[in-house]
């Protein structure tokens, strides 16, 4: 089994996308990203929920595909 540098790994990017979709809205308010009320009204709760669902699905799918095609473990240092 050959190790893969983590930035070239589909598993890593799938985990990153899924986590970012879930975490970014909460972290954004903590660091001061101001979301205007008009934007929330324009986007709507349904649009926001759909965006989170699509991001979670894409991340999970990429993670599963990457895990099935993996030829070895991920490593932190490129070879």
N, C-alpha and C. Protein backbone atom coordinates (compact mmCIF):
# COMPACT_ATOMS: atom_id res chain seq x y z
N UNK A 1 0.84 -1.19 0.00
CA UNK A 1 0.00 0.00 0.00
C UNK A 1 0.88 1.25 0.00
N UNK A 2 0.52 2.13 -0.87
CA UNK A 2 1.30 3.35 -1.04
C UNK A 2 0.63 4.53 -0.33
N UNK A 3 1.35 5.26 0.53
CA UNK A 3 0.74 6.41 1.21
C UNK A 3 0.47 7.56 0.24
N UNK A 4 -0.56 8.36 0.56
CA UNK A 4 -0.96 9.49 -0.27
C UNK A 4 -0.82 10.77 0.53
N UNK A 5 -0.21 11.80 -0.06
CA UNK A 5 -0.13 13.11 0.58
C UNK A 5 -1.55 13.61 0.79
N UNK A 6 -1.86 14.10 1.99
CA UNK A 6 -3.24 14.38 2.35
C UNK A 6 -3.93 15.41 1.46
N UNK A 7 -3.22 16.38 0.87
CA UNK A 7 -3.86 17.37 0.01
C UNK A 7 -4.25 16.79 -1.36
N UNK A 8 -3.73 15.62 -1.67
CA UNK A 8 -4.11 14.94 -2.91
C UNK A 8 -5.17 13.87 -2.66
N UNK A 9 -5.64 13.77 -1.44
CA UNK A 9 -6.57 12.72 -1.05
C UNK A 9 -8.02 13.17 -1.19
N UNK A 10 -8.83 12.37 -1.88
CA UNK A 10 -10.27 12.65 -1.98
C UNK A 10 -10.92 12.51 -0.61
N UNK A 11 -10.40 11.60 0.21
CA UNK A 11 -10.95 11.43 1.56
C UNK A 11 -10.81 12.73 2.35
N UNK A 12 -9.62 13.34 2.29
CA UNK A 12 -9.40 14.59 3.03
C UNK A 12 -10.34 15.68 2.55
N UNK A 13 -10.45 15.87 1.22
CA UNK A 13 -11.29 16.94 0.69
C UNK A 13 -12.76 16.68 0.98
N UNK A 14 -13.18 15.43 0.98
CA UNK A 14 -14.56 15.11 1.35
C UNK A 14 -14.84 15.47 2.79
N UNK A 15 -13.91 15.12 3.69
CA UNK A 15 -14.07 15.47 5.10
C UNK A 15 -14.06 16.99 5.28
N UNK A 16 -13.18 17.68 4.55
CA UNK A 16 -13.07 19.13 4.66
C UNK A 16 -14.37 19.82 4.21
N UNK A 17 -14.92 19.40 3.07
CA UNK A 17 -16.14 20.01 2.55
C UNK A 17 -17.31 19.76 3.50
N UNK A 18 -17.45 18.54 3.99
CA UNK A 18 -18.55 18.22 4.91
C UNK A 18 -18.43 19.03 6.20
N UNK A 19 -17.22 19.12 6.74
CA UNK A 19 -17.03 19.87 7.98
C UNK A 19 -17.23 21.37 7.76
N UNK A 20 -16.73 21.90 6.67
CA UNK A 20 -16.86 23.33 6.39
C UNK A 20 -18.32 23.72 6.23
N UNK A 21 -19.10 22.87 5.58
CA UNK A 21 -20.51 23.15 5.38
C UNK A 21 -21.24 23.25 6.71
N UNK A 22 -20.86 22.41 7.65
CA UNK A 22 -21.53 22.41 8.95
C UNK A 22 -21.01 23.50 9.88
N UNK A 23 -19.72 23.82 9.79
CA UNK A 23 -19.09 24.70 10.77
C UNK A 23 -19.06 26.17 10.36
N UNK A 24 -18.88 26.47 9.08
CA UNK A 24 -18.70 27.86 8.64
C UNK A 24 -19.80 28.83 9.06
N UNK A 25 -21.09 28.46 8.98
CA UNK A 25 -22.10 29.43 9.41
C UNK A 25 -21.95 29.86 10.87
N UNK A 26 -21.62 28.93 11.74
CA UNK A 26 -21.45 29.26 13.16
C UNK A 26 -20.17 30.05 13.41
N UNK A 27 -19.09 29.65 12.77
CA UNK A 27 -17.80 30.33 12.95
C UNK A 27 -17.86 31.74 12.37
N UNK A 28 -18.57 31.89 11.27
CA UNK A 28 -18.68 33.21 10.65
C UNK A 28 -19.23 34.27 11.58
N UNK A 29 -20.25 33.93 12.34
CA UNK A 29 -20.81 34.91 13.28
C UNK A 29 -19.85 35.18 14.43
N UNK A 30 -19.07 34.19 14.83
CA UNK A 30 -18.11 34.39 15.93
C UNK A 30 -16.96 35.32 15.54
N UNK A 31 -16.53 35.26 14.27
CA UNK A 31 -15.41 36.09 13.85
C UNK A 31 -15.85 37.43 13.28
N UNK A 32 -17.15 37.68 13.30
CA UNK A 32 -17.62 39.00 12.91
C UNK A 32 -18.10 39.15 11.49
N UNK A 33 -18.29 38.05 10.77
CA UNK A 33 -18.87 38.17 9.44
C UNK A 33 -20.31 38.58 9.62
N UNK A 34 -20.64 39.75 9.14
CA UNK A 34 -21.98 40.29 9.32
C UNK A 34 -22.87 39.88 8.16
N UNK A 35 -23.92 39.17 8.49
CA UNK A 35 -24.88 38.77 7.47
C UNK A 35 -26.07 39.71 7.59
N UNK A 36 -26.29 40.47 6.55
CA UNK A 36 -27.35 41.48 6.56
C UNK A 36 -28.73 40.81 6.56
N UNK A 37 -29.69 41.38 7.27
CA UNK A 37 -31.04 40.81 7.29
C UNK A 37 -31.66 40.69 5.89
N UNK A 38 -31.39 41.64 5.02
CA UNK A 38 -31.91 41.57 3.66
C UNK A 38 -31.42 40.35 2.91
N UNK A 39 -30.14 39.99 3.14
CA UNK A 39 -29.58 38.81 2.49
C UNK A 39 -30.27 37.55 2.98
N UNK A 40 -30.52 37.49 4.27
CA UNK A 40 -31.19 36.33 4.85
C UNK A 40 -32.60 36.20 4.27
N UNK A 41 -33.29 37.33 4.14
CA UNK A 41 -34.64 37.30 3.57
C UNK A 41 -34.59 36.87 2.11
N UNK A 42 -33.63 37.43 1.34
CA UNK A 42 -33.51 37.08 -0.07
C UNK A 42 -33.17 35.60 -0.26
N UNK A 43 -32.22 35.13 0.51
CA UNK A 43 -31.80 33.73 0.40
C UNK A 43 -32.86 32.81 0.96
N UNK A 44 -33.41 33.18 2.09
CA UNK A 44 -34.45 32.37 2.72
C UNK A 44 -33.86 31.18 3.45
N UNK A 45 -34.60 30.73 4.43
CA UNK A 45 -34.14 29.59 5.22
C UNK A 45 -34.04 28.34 4.36
N UNK A 46 -34.94 28.17 3.41
CA UNK A 46 -34.91 26.98 2.56
C UNK A 46 -33.64 26.94 1.71
N UNK A 47 -33.22 28.09 1.20
CA UNK A 47 -31.99 28.14 0.40
C UNK A 47 -30.78 27.82 1.23
N UNK A 48 -30.75 28.34 2.45
CA UNK A 48 -29.63 28.07 3.35
C UNK A 48 -29.57 26.59 3.70
N UNK A 49 -30.72 26.02 4.02
CA UNK A 49 -30.76 24.59 4.36
C UNK A 49 -30.36 23.73 3.16
N UNK A 50 -30.80 24.13 1.98
CA UNK A 50 -30.45 23.36 0.77
C UNK A 50 -28.95 23.42 0.52
N UNK A 51 -28.34 24.59 0.71
CA UNK A 51 -26.91 24.74 0.51
C UNK A 51 -26.13 23.86 1.49
N UNK A 52 -26.56 23.84 2.75
CA UNK A 52 -25.90 22.99 3.74
C UNK A 52 -26.07 21.51 3.40
N UNK A 53 -27.25 21.12 2.94
CA UNK A 53 -27.50 19.72 2.59
C UNK A 53 -26.66 19.29 1.40
N UNK A 54 -26.58 20.14 0.37
CA UNK A 54 -25.78 19.82 -0.81
C UNK A 54 -24.30 19.71 -0.44
N UNK A 55 -23.81 20.66 0.35
CA UNK A 55 -22.41 20.61 0.79
C UNK A 55 -22.11 19.36 1.59
N UNK A 56 -23.01 18.99 2.48
CA UNK A 56 -22.82 17.77 3.27
C UNK A 56 -22.84 16.53 2.41
N UNK A 57 -23.75 16.48 1.43
CA UNK A 57 -23.85 15.33 0.53
C UNK A 57 -22.61 15.21 -0.33
N UNK A 58 -22.16 16.32 -0.92
CA UNK A 58 -20.97 16.30 -1.78
C UNK A 58 -19.75 15.86 -0.97
N UNK A 59 -19.61 16.40 0.24
CA UNK A 59 -18.48 16.02 1.08
C UNK A 59 -18.50 14.55 1.44
N UNK A 60 -19.67 14.04 1.81
CA UNK A 60 -19.78 12.63 2.17
C UNK A 60 -19.51 11.73 0.97
N UNK A 61 -20.07 12.09 -0.19
CA UNK A 61 -19.86 11.29 -1.39
C UNK A 61 -18.38 11.25 -1.77
N UNK A 62 -17.73 12.40 -1.73
CA UNK A 62 -16.31 12.46 -2.07
C UNK A 62 -15.48 11.65 -1.09
N UNK A 63 -15.84 11.70 0.19
CA UNK A 63 -15.12 10.95 1.20
C UNK A 63 -15.28 9.44 0.97
N UNK A 64 -16.49 9.00 0.65
CA UNK A 64 -16.71 7.58 0.41
C UNK A 64 -16.00 7.11 -0.85
N UNK A 65 -16.08 7.88 -1.92
CA UNK A 65 -15.38 7.51 -3.17
C UNK A 65 -13.88 7.45 -2.93
N UNK A 66 -13.35 8.44 -2.22
CA UNK A 66 -11.92 8.46 -1.92
C UNK A 66 -11.50 7.27 -1.08
N UNK A 67 -12.34 6.88 -0.13
CA UNK A 67 -12.01 5.73 0.72
C UNK A 67 -12.01 4.44 -0.08
N UNK A 68 -12.95 4.31 -1.02
CA UNK A 68 -13.01 3.09 -1.82
C UNK A 68 -11.84 2.99 -2.80
N UNK A 69 -11.37 4.11 -3.30
CA UNK A 69 -10.28 4.10 -4.28
C UNK A 69 -8.90 4.23 -3.65
N UNK A 70 -8.84 4.41 -2.34
CA UNK A 70 -7.57 4.64 -1.66
C UNK A 70 -6.62 3.45 -1.85
N UNK A 71 -5.36 3.79 -2.08
CA UNK A 71 -4.34 2.75 -2.25
C UNK A 71 -3.46 2.63 -1.01
N UNK A 72 -3.72 3.48 -0.02
CA UNK A 72 -2.93 3.44 1.20
C UNK A 72 -3.36 4.56 2.14
N UNK A 73 -2.66 4.72 3.25
CA UNK A 73 -3.00 5.76 4.22
C UNK A 73 -2.60 7.14 3.74
N UNK A 74 -3.18 8.17 4.37
CA UNK A 74 -2.79 9.56 4.08
C UNK A 74 -1.59 9.90 4.95
N UNK A 75 -0.70 10.75 4.44
CA UNK A 75 0.46 11.20 5.20
C UNK A 75 0.53 12.72 5.16
N UNK A 76 1.17 13.32 6.15
CA UNK A 76 1.28 14.77 6.22
C UNK A 76 2.37 15.35 5.33
N UNK A 77 3.41 14.58 5.06
CA UNK A 77 4.52 15.10 4.27
C UNK A 77 4.50 14.47 2.86
N UNK A 78 4.65 15.30 1.83
CA UNK A 78 4.71 14.72 0.48
C UNK A 78 5.99 13.93 0.30
N UNK A 79 5.91 12.95 -0.58
CA UNK A 79 7.11 12.14 -0.83
C UNK A 79 7.93 12.69 -1.94
